[in-house]
PDB file of N, CA and C in Angstrom:
ATOM      1  N   MET A   1     275.068  71.578 102.755  1.00  0.00           N
ATOM      2  CA  MET A   1     274.064  72.068 103.684  1.00  0.00           C
ATOM      3  C   MET A   1     273.477  73.384 103.180  1.00  0.00           C
ATOM      4  N   HIS A   2     272.237  73.591 103.493  1.00  0.00           N
ATOM      5  CA  HIS A   2     271.546  74.815 103.096  1.00  0.00           C
ATOM      6  C   HIS A   2     271.679  75.898 104.166  1.00  0.00           C
ATOM      7  N   LEU A   3     271.758  77.152 103.709  1.00  0.00           N
ATOM      8  CA  LEU A   3     271.603  78.286 104.618  1.00  0.00           C
ATOM      9  C   LEU A   3     270.124  78.384 104.956  1.00  0.00           C
ATOM     10  N   LEU A   4     269.829  78.789 106.176  1.00  0.00           N
ATOM     11  CA  LEU A   4     268.450  79.006 106.579  1.00  0.00           C
ATOM     12  C   LEU A   4     268.260  80.460 106.970  1.00  0.00           C
ATOM     13  N   LYS A   5     267.164  81.035 106.534  1.00  0.00           N
ATOM     14  CA  LYS A   5     266.786  82.369 106.991  1.00  0.00           C
ATOM     15  C   LYS A   5     265.569  82.199 107.886  1.00  0.00           C
ATOM     16  N   VAL A   6     265.669  82.722 109.099  1.00  0.00           N
ATOM     17  CA  VAL A   6     264.589  82.617 110.076  1.00  0.00           C
ATOM     18  C   VAL A   6     264.042  84.025 110.296  1.00  0.00           C
ATOM     19  N   THR A   7     262.758  84.205 110.022  1.00  0.00           N
ATOM     20  CA  THR A   7     262.136  85.531 110.062  1.00  0.00           C
ATOM     21  C   THR A   7     260.904  85.500 110.946  1.00  0.00           C
ATOM     22  N   VAL A   8     260.737  86.537 111.775  1.00  0.00           N
ATOM     23  CA  VAL A   8     259.517  86.681 112.571  1.00  0.00           C
ATOM     24  C   VAL A   8     258.393  87.032 111.600  1.00  0.00           C
ATOM     25  N   GLU A   9     257.402  86.146 111.518  1.00  0.00           N
ATOM     26  CA  GLU A   9     256.299  86.326 110.579  1.00  0.00           C
ATOM     27  C   GLU A   9     255.116  87.058 111.216  1.00  0.00           C
ATOM     28  N   ARG A  10     254.791  86.694 112.442  1.00  0.00           N
ATOM     29  CA  ARG A  10     253.717  87.372 113.155  1.00  0.00           C
ATOM     30  C   ARG A  10     253.844  87.078 114.650  1.00  0.00           C
ATOM     31  N   ILE A  11     253.162  87.896 115.442  1.00  0.00           N
ATOM     32  CA  ILE A  11     253.185  87.747 116.901  1.00  0.00           C
ATOM     33  C   ILE A  11     251.747  87.796 117.394  1.00  0.00           C
ATOM     34  N   GLU A  12     251.372  86.803 118.171  1.00  0.00           N
ATOM     35  CA  GLU A  12     250.058  86.778 118.797  1.00  0.00           C
ATOM     36  C   GLU A  12     250.277  86.893 120.299  1.00  0.00           C
ATOM     37  N   GLY A  13     249.860  87.974 120.879  1.00  0.00           N
ATOM     38  CA  GLY A  13     250.071  88.184 122.303  1.00  0.00           C
ATOM     39  C   GLY A  13     251.213  89.148 122.530  1.00  0.00           C
ATOM     40  N   TYR A  14     251.899  88.989 123.647  1.00  0.00           N
ATOM     41  CA  TYR A  14     252.959  89.905 124.048  1.00  0.00           C
ATOM     42  C   TYR A  14     254.298  89.178 124.098  1.00  0.00           C
ATOM     43  N   CYS A  15     255.277  89.681 123.369  1.00  0.00           N
ATOM     44  CA  CYS A  15     256.642  89.154 123.396  1.00  0.00           C
ATOM     45  C   CYS A  15     257.479  90.123 124.209  1.00  0.00           C
ATOM     46  N   ASN A  16     258.035  89.679 125.327  1.00  0.00           N
ATOM     47  CA  ASN A  16     258.785  90.588 126.199  1.00  0.00           C
ATOM     48  C   ASN A  16     260.253  90.735 125.810  1.00  0.00           C
ATOM     49  N   GLN A  17     260.670  90.256 124.646  1.00  0.00           N
ATOM     50  CA  GLN A  17     262.084  90.316 124.279  1.00  0.00           C
ATOM     51  C   GLN A  17     262.542  91.644 123.691  1.00  0.00           C
ATOM     52  N   PRO A  18     261.943  92.436 122.955  1.00  0.00           N
ATOM     53  CA  PRO A  18     260.784  92.205 122.084  1.00  0.00           C
ATOM     54  C   PRO A  18     261.246  91.841 120.669  1.00  0.00           C
ATOM     55  N   MET A  19     260.716  90.778 120.166  1.00  0.00           N
ATOM     56  CA  MET A  19     260.937  90.437 118.764  1.00  0.00           C
ATOM     57  C   MET A  19     259.930  91.256 117.961  1.00  0.00           C
ATOM     58  N   LEU A  20     260.306  91.659 116.766  1.00  0.00           N
ATOM     59  CA  LEU A  20     259.430  92.454 115.910  1.00  0.00           C
ATOM     60  C   LEU A  20     259.189  91.726 114.594  1.00  0.00           C
ATOM     61  N   VAL A  21     258.011  91.891 114.040  1.00  0.00           N
ATOM     62  CA  VAL A  21     257.714  91.294 112.736  1.00  0.00           C
ATOM     63  C   VAL A  21     258.751  91.793 111.736  1.00  0.00           C
ATOM     64  N   GLY A  22     259.330  90.869 110.988  1.00  0.00           N
ATOM     65  CA  GLY A  22     260.364  91.205 110.009  1.00  0.00           C
ATOM     66  C   GLY A  22     261.778  90.964 110.518  1.00  0.00           C
ATOM     67  N   ASP A  23     261.977  90.875 111.842  1.00  0.00           N
ATOM     68  CA  ASP A  23     263.305  90.548 112.371  1.00  0.00           C
ATOM     69  C   ASP A  23     263.731  89.194 111.829  1.00  0.00           C
ATOM     70  N   SER A  24     265.017  89.052 111.508  1.00  0.00           N
ATOM     71  CA  SER A  24     265.483  87.779 110.956  1.00  0.00           C
ATOM     72  C   SER A  24     266.939  87.541 111.312  1.00  0.00           C
ATOM     73  N   PHE A  25     267.352  86.299 111.118  1.00  0.00           N
ATOM     74  CA  PHE A  25     268.755  85.918 111.266  1.00  0.00           C
ATOM     75  C   PHE A  25     269.020  84.755 110.328  1.00  0.00           C
ATOM     76  N   ILE A  26     270.288  84.485 110.085  1.00  0.00           N
ATOM     77  CA  ILE A  26     270.717  83.418 109.179  1.00  0.00           C
ATOM     78  C   ILE A  26     271.405  82.317 109.981  1.00  0.00           C
ATOM     79  N   VAL A  27     271.070  81.072 109.665  1.00  0.00           N
ATOM     80  CA  VAL A  27     271.770  79.913 110.217  1.00  0.00           C
ATOM     81  C   VAL A  27     272.663  79.394 109.103  1.00  0.00           C
ATOM     82  N   ASP A  28     273.965  79.430 109.344  1.00  0.00           N
ATOM     83  CA  ASP A  28     274.982  79.058 108.355  1.00  0.00           C
ATOM     84  C   ASP A  28     275.807  77.939 108.963  1.00  0.00           C
ATOM     85  N   GLY A  29     275.396  76.688 108.716  1.00  0.00           N
ATOM     86  CA  GLY A  29     276.067  75.562 109.362  1.00  0.00           C
ATOM     87  C   GLY A  29     275.861  75.669 110.864  1.00  0.00           C
ATOM     88  N   GLY A  30     276.948  75.756 111.603  1.00  0.00           N
ATOM     89  CA  GLY A  30     276.874  75.887 113.045  1.00  0.00           C
ATOM     90  C   GLY A  30     276.939  77.323 113.530  1.00  0.00           C
ATOM     91  N   LYS A  31     276.845  78.279 112.601  1.00  0.00           N
ATOM     92  CA  LYS A  31     276.925  79.694 112.970  1.00  0.00           C
ATOM     93  C   LYS A  31     275.558  80.349 112.821  1.00  0.00           C
ATOM     94  N   ILE A  32     275.340  81.362 113.678  1.00  0.00           N
ATOM     95  CA  ILE A  32     274.131  82.170 113.575  1.00  0.00           C
ATOM     96  C   ILE A  32     274.567  83.597 113.331  1.00  0.00           C
ATOM     97  N   ARG A  33     274.062  84.186 112.236  1.00  0.00           N
ATOM     98  CA  ARG A  33     274.394  85.572 111.891  1.00  0.00           C
ATOM     99  C   ARG A  33     273.177  86.451 112.157  1.00  0.00           C
ATOM    100  N   ILE A  34     273.336  87.360 113.121  1.00  0.00           N
ATOM    101  CA  ILE A  34     272.257  88.261 113.510  1.00  0.00           C
ATOM    102  C   ILE A  34     272.639  89.666 113.047  1.00  0.00           C
ATOM    103  N   PRO A  35     271.739  90.366 112.355  1.00  0.00           N
ATOM    104  CA  PRO A  35     272.060  91.726 111.908  1.00  0.00           C
ATOM    105  C   PRO A  35     272.429  92.639 113.082  1.00  0.00           C
ATOM    106  N   SER A  36     273.259  93.609 112.812  1.00  0.00           N
ATOM    107  CA  SER A  36     273.691  94.574 113.819  1.00  0.00           C
ATOM    108  C   SER A  36     272.483  95.244 114.468  1.00  0.00           C
ATOM    109  N   GLN A  37     272.572  95.449 115.768  1.00  0.00           N
ATOM    110  CA  GLN A  37     271.537  96.104 116.568  1.00  0.00           C
ATOM    111  C   GLN A  37     270.257  95.274 116.691  1.00  0.00           C
ATOM    112  N   LYS A  38     270.297  93.992 116.338  1.00  0.00           N
ATOM    113  CA  LYS A  38     269.150  93.101 116.487  1.00  0.00           C
ATOM    114  C   LYS A  38     269.535  91.980 117.442  1.00  0.00           C
ATOM    115  N   HIS A  39     268.581  91.154 117.784  1.00  0.00           N
ATOM    116  CA  HIS A  39     268.837  90.038 118.681  1.00  0.00           C
ATOM    117  C   HIS A  39     267.832  88.927 118.394  1.00  0.00           C
ATOM    118  N   ILE A  40     268.027  87.796 119.075  1.00  0.00           N
ATOM    119  CA  ILE A  40     267.076  86.686 119.003  1.00  0.00           C
ATOM    120  C   ILE A  40     266.837  86.207 120.427  1.00  0.00           C
ATOM    121  N   CYS A  41     265.615  85.933 120.741  1.00  0.00           N
ATOM    122  CA  CYS A  41     265.245  85.411 122.061  1.00  0.00           C
ATOM    123  C   CYS A  41     265.902  84.044 122.249  1.00  0.00           C
ATOM    124  N   MET A  42     266.661  83.891 123.333  1.00  0.00           N
ATOM    125  CA  MET A  42     267.357  82.618 123.533  1.00  0.00           C
ATOM    126  C   MET A  42     266.395  81.473 123.815  1.00  0.00           C
ATOM    127  N   TRP A  43     265.208  81.759 124.338  1.00  0.00           N
ATOM    128  CA  TRP A  43     264.243  80.692 124.612  1.00  0.00           C
ATOM    129  C   TRP A  43     263.652  80.171 123.303  1.00  0.00           C
ATOM    130  N   ALA A  44     263.337  81.067 122.397  1.00  0.00           N
ATOM    131  CA  ALA A  44     262.840  80.638 121.092  1.00  0.00           C
ATOM    132  C   ALA A  44     263.949  79.916 120.329  1.00  0.00           C
ATOM    133  N   LEU A  45     265.168  80.472 120.386  1.00  0.00           N
ATOM    134  CA  LEU A  45     266.296  79.880 119.674  1.00  0.00           C
ATOM    135  C   LEU A  45     266.570  78.458 120.144  1.00  0.00           C
ATOM    136  N   GLN A  46     266.618  78.253 121.466  1.00  0.00           N
ATOM    137  CA  GLN A  46     266.926  76.903 121.955  1.00  0.00           C
ATOM    138  C   GLN A  46     265.825  75.916 121.579  1.00  0.00           C
ATOM    139  N   SER A  47     264.605  76.399 121.402  1.00  0.00           N
ATOM    140  CA  SER A  47     263.512  75.520 120.983  1.00  0.00           C
ATOM    141  C   SER A  47     263.606  75.147 119.507  1.00  0.00           C
ATOM    142  N   MET A  48     264.151  76.059 118.681  1.00  0.00           N
ATOM    143  CA  MET A  48     264.284  75.807 117.244  1.00  0.00           C
ATOM    144  C   MET A  48     265.527  75.000 116.891  1.00  0.00           C
ATOM    145  N   MET A  49     266.563  75.086 117.711  1.00  0.00           N
ATOM    146  CA  MET A  49     267.858  74.512 117.351  1.00  0.00           C
ATOM    147  C   MET A  49     267.821  73.045 116.923  1.00  0.00           C
ATOM    148  N   PRO A  50     267.028  72.187 117.554  1.00  0.00           N
ATOM    149  CA  PRO A  50     267.037  70.780 117.115  1.00  0.00           C
ATOM    150  C   PRO A  50     266.615  70.572 115.662  1.00  0.00           C
ATOM    151  N   ILE A  51     265.798  71.470 115.112  1.00  0.00           N
ATOM    152  CA  ILE A  51     265.356  71.251 113.732  1.00  0.00           C
ATOM    153  C   ILE A  51     266.256  71.910 112.694  1.00  0.00           C
ATOM    154  N   PHE A  52     267.185  72.771 113.115  1.00  0.00           N
ATOM    155  CA  PHE A  52     268.054  73.432 112.140  1.00  0.00           C
ATOM    156  C   PHE A  52     268.871  72.425 111.329  1.00  0.00           C
ATOM    157  N   ALA A  53     269.505  71.482 111.986  1.00  0.00           N
ATOM    158  CA  ALA A  53     270.330  70.500 111.258  1.00  0.00           C
ATOM    159  C   ALA A  53     269.479  69.680 110.286  1.00  0.00           C
ATOM    160  N   LEU A  54     268.275  69.346 110.694  1.00  0.00           N
ATOM    161  CA  LEU A  54     267.366  68.585 109.836  1.00  0.00           C
ATOM    162  C   LEU A  54     267.000  69.385 108.585  1.00  0.00           C
ATOM    163  N   LEU A  55     266.706  70.665 108.769  1.00  0.00           N
ATOM    164  CA  LEU A  55     266.298  71.492 107.635  1.00  0.00           C
ATOM    165  C   LEU A  55     267.464  71.898 106.746  1.00  0.00           C
ATOM    166  N   GLN A  56     268.685  71.898 107.276  1.00  0.00           N
ATOM    167  CA  GLN A  56     269.852  72.284 106.482  1.00  0.00           C
ATOM    168  C   GLN A  56     270.327  71.191 105.543  1.00  0.00           C
ATOM    169  N   ARG A  57     270.021  69.961 105.829  1.00  0.00           N
ATOM    170  CA  ARG A  57     270.569  68.853 105.049  1.00  0.00           C
ATOM    171  C   ARG A  57     269.901  68.714 103.694  1.00  0.00           C
ATOM    172  N   GLU A  58     270.569  68.003 102.825  1.00  0.00           N
ATOM    173  CA  GLU A  58     270.006  67.690 101.510  1.00  0.00           C
ATOM    174  C   GLU A  58     268.921  66.625 101.674  1.00  0.00           C
ATOM    175  N   ALA A  59     268.012  66.556 100.722  1.00  0.00           N
ATOM    176  CA  ALA A  59     266.954  65.547 100.767  1.00  0.00           C
ATOM    177  C   ALA A  59     267.571  64.152 100.773  1.00  0.00           C
ATOM    178  N   SER A  60     267.135  63.336 101.711  1.00  0.00           N
ATOM    179  CA  SER A  60     267.689  61.993 101.781  1.00  0.00           C
ATOM    180  C   SER A  60     266.702  60.937 101.295  1.00  0.00           C
ATOM    181  N   VAL A  61     265.422  61.227 101.421  1.00  0.00           N
ATOM    182  CA  VAL A  61     264.397  60.264 101.031  1.00  0.00           C
ATOM    183  C   VAL A  61     263.277  61.024 100.305  1.00  0.00           C
ATOM    184  N   LYS A  62     262.783  60.452  99.226  1.00  0.00           N
ATOM    185  CA  LYS A  62     261.679  61.085  98.506  1.00  0.00           C
ATOM    186  C   LYS A  62     260.475  61.238  99.441  1.00  0.00           C
ATOM    187  N   GLY A  63     259.877  62.417  99.432  1.00  0.00           N
ATOM    188  CA  GLY A  63     258.719  62.662 100.283  1.00  0.00           C
ATOM    189  C   GLY A  63     259.056  63.143 101.684  1.00  0.00           C
ATOM    190  N   ASP A  64     260.325  63.387 101.959  1.00  0.00           N
ATOM    191  CA  ASP A  64     260.772  63.862 103.274  1.00  0.00           C
ATOM    192  C   ASP A  64     260.136  65.228 103.556  1.00  0.00           C
ATOM    193  N   TRP A  65     259.377  65.362 104.635  1.00  0.00           N
ATOM    194  CA  TRP A  65     258.668  66.618 104.933  1.00  0.00           C
ATOM    195  C   TRP A  65     259.620  67.794 105.104  1.00  0.00           C
ATOM    196  N   ALA A  66     260.830  67.544 105.578  1.00  0.00           N
ATOM    197  CA  ALA A  66     261.782  68.626 105.843  1.00  0.00           C
ATOM    198  C   ALA A  66     262.331  69.254 104.568  1.00  0.00           C
ATOM    199  N   THR A  67     262.113  68.627 103.442  1.00  0.00           N
ATOM    200  CA  THR A  67     262.632  69.171 102.189  1.00  0.00           C
ATOM    201  C   THR A  67     261.558  69.933 101.409  1.00  0.00           C
ATOM    202  N   LYS A  68     260.374  70.053 101.972  1.00  0.00           N
ATOM    203  CA  LYS A  68     259.252  70.677 101.272  1.00  0.00           C
ATOM    204  C   LYS A  68     259.085  72.141 101.652  1.00  0.00           C
ATOM    205  N   GLY A  69     259.861  73.004 101.055  1.00  0.00           N
ATOM    206  CA  GLY A  69     259.686  74.441 101.214  1.00  0.00           C
ATOM    207  C   GLY A  69     259.889  74.967 102.614  1.00  0.00           C
ATOM    208  N   ASP A  70     259.260  76.101 102.863  1.00  0.00           N
ATOM    209  CA  ASP A  70     259.417  76.784 104.136  1.00  0.00           C
ATOM    210  C   ASP A  70     258.713  76.020 105.258  1.00  0.00           C
ATOM    211  N   GLN A  71     259.180  76.247 106.465  1.00  0.00           N
ATOM    212  CA  GLN A  71     258.575  75.670 107.658  1.00  0.00           C
ATOM    213  C   GLN A  71     258.203  76.809 108.594  1.00  0.00           C
ATOM    214  N   VAL A  72     257.185  76.616 109.408  1.00  0.00           N
ATOM    215  CA  VAL A  72     256.799  77.621 110.399  1.00  0.00           C
ATOM    216  C   VAL A  72     257.005  77.019 111.776  1.00  0.00           C
ATOM    217  N   PHE A  73     257.633  77.800 112.645  1.00  0.00           N
ATOM    218  CA  PHE A  73     257.906  77.391 114.017  1.00  0.00           C
ATOM    219  C   PHE A  73     257.247  78.412 114.940  1.00  0.00           C
ATOM    220  N   VAL A  74     256.628  77.947 116.019  1.00  0.00           N
ATOM    221  CA  VAL A  74     255.990  78.846 116.977  1.00  0.00           C
ATOM    222  C   VAL A  74     256.744  78.776 118.296  1.00  0.00           C
ATOM    223  N   CYS A  75     257.115  79.946 118.806  1.00  0.00           N
ATOM    224  CA  CYS A  75     257.787  80.043 120.102  1.00  0.00           C
ATOM    225  C   CYS A  75     256.923  79.350 121.158  1.00  0.00           C
ATOM    226  N   PRO A  76     257.534  78.665 122.114  1.00  0.00           N
ATOM    227  CA  PRO A  76     256.759  77.933 123.117  1.00  0.00           C
ATOM    228  C   PRO A  76     256.113  78.804 124.199  1.00  0.00           C
ATOM    229  N   ASP A  77     256.347  80.119 124.194  1.00  0.00           N
ATOM    230  CA  ASP A  77     255.759  80.990 125.211  1.00  0.00           C
ATOM    231  C   ASP A  77     254.257  81.128 124.970  1.00  0.00           C
ATOM    232  N   PRO A  78     253.400  80.641 125.879  1.00  0.00           N
ATOM    233  CA  PRO A  78     251.950  80.689 125.648  1.00  0.00           C
ATOM    234  C   PRO A  78     251.373  82.103 125.695  1.00  0.00           C
ATOM    235  N   LYS A  79     252.086  83.070 126.283  1.00  0.00           N
ATOM    236  CA  LYS A  79     251.580  84.437 126.381  1.00  0.00           C
ATOM    237  C   LYS A  79     252.002  85.311 125.202  1.00  0.00           C
ATOM    238  N   GLY A  80     253.011  84.895 124.488  1.00  0.00           N
ATOM    239  CA  GLY A  80     253.525  85.693 123.373  1.00  0.00           C
ATOM    240  C   GLY A  80     253.941  84.810 122.229  1.00  0.00           C
ATOM    241  N   LYS A  81     252.990  84.214 121.552  1.00  0.00           N
ATOM    242  CA  LYS A  81     253.319  83.308 120.454  1.00  0.00           C
ATOM    243  C   LYS A  81     253.962  84.072 119.313  1.00  0.00           C
ATOM    244  N   VAL A  82     255.231  83.802 119.096  1.00  0.00           N
ATOM    245  CA  VAL A  82     255.957  84.406 117.981  1.00  0.00           C
ATOM    246  C   VAL A  82     256.094  83.320 116.915  1.00  0.00           C
ATOM    247  N   TYR A  83     255.631  83.634 115.705  1.00  0.00           N
ATOM    248  CA  TYR A  83     255.701  82.695 114.589  1.00  0.00           C
ATOM    249  C   TYR A  83     256.918  83.038 113.746  1.00  0.00           C
ATOM    250  N   PHE A  84     257.779  82.054 113.544  1.00  0.00           N
ATOM    251  CA  PHE A  84     258.993  82.215 112.759  1.00  0.00           C
ATOM    252  C   PHE A  84     258.853  81.415 111.467  1.00  0.00           C
ATOM    253  N   ARG A  85     259.166  82.016 110.330  1.00  0.00           N
ATOM    254  CA  ARG A  85     259.242  81.291 109.058  1.00  0.00           C
ATOM    255  C   ARG A  85     260.699  80.899 108.859  1.00  0.00           C
ATOM    256  N   ILE A  86     260.930  79.618 108.618  1.00  0.00           N
ATOM    257  CA  ILE A  86     262.282  79.105 108.373  1.00  0.00           C
ATOM    258  C   ILE A  86     262.345  78.681 106.917  1.00  0.00           C
ATOM    259  N   GLU A  87     263.213  79.361 106.159  1.00  0.00           N
ATOM    260  CA  GLU A  87     263.307  79.065 104.733  1.00  0.00           C
ATOM    261  C   GLU A  87     264.744  78.784 104.324  1.00  0.00           C
ATOM    262  N   LYS A  88     264.884  77.869 103.373  1.00  0.00           N
ATOM    263  CA  LYS A  88     266.202  77.593 102.808  1.00  0.00           C
ATOM    264  C   LYS A  88     266.529  78.683 101.811  1.00  0.00           C
ATOM    265  N   THR A  89     267.729  79.263 101.926  1.00  0.00           N
ATOM    266  CA  THR A  89     268.070  80.378 101.043  1.00  0.00           C
ATOM    267  C   THR A  89     269.192  80.048 100.078  1.00  0.00           C
ATOM    268  N   GLY A  90     269.741  78.874 100.145  1.00  0.00           N
ATOM    269  CA  GLY A  90     270.824  78.515  99.243  1.00  0.00           C
ATOM    270  C   GLY A  90     271.810  77.590  99.927  1.00  0.00           C
ATOM    271  N   GLU A  91     272.942  77.437  99.309  1.00  0.00           N
ATOM    272  CA  GLU A  91     273.980  76.574  99.846  1.00  0.00           C
ATOM    273  C   GLU A  91     274.842  77.330 100.852  1.00  0.00           C
ATOM    274  N   GLU A  92     275.412  76.588 101.779  1.00  0.00           N
ATOM    275  CA  GLU A  92     276.290  77.143 102.798  1.00  0.00           C
ATOM    276  C   GLU A  92     277.435  77.921 102.139  1.00  0.00           C
ATOM    277  N   GLU A  93     277.763  79.057 102.725  1.00  0.00           N
ATOM    278  CA  GLU A  93     278.843  79.890 102.173  1.00  0.00           C
ATOM    279  C   GLU A  93     280.195  79.423 102.659  1.00  0.00           C
TER     280      GLU A  93
END
């Protein structure tokens, strides 16, 4: 499985959490590593969680969209669209 780095890329509107551009966390298998003194919005996190397992796996079929580089996820809050870049950073530790 691949490690994933999830980074706030940009914010359109108002995020009341507040997430900041550049904030990031690591998804390591079933663990989430958040840097000290930082946090992740649980509403954005619960919306992203279904795709983490898909993006962590090895390519299973040629042309699989989930194996093609970074992915962008947008928080579902219509008033504070937070764009997250999800990138594979290597193999699980």
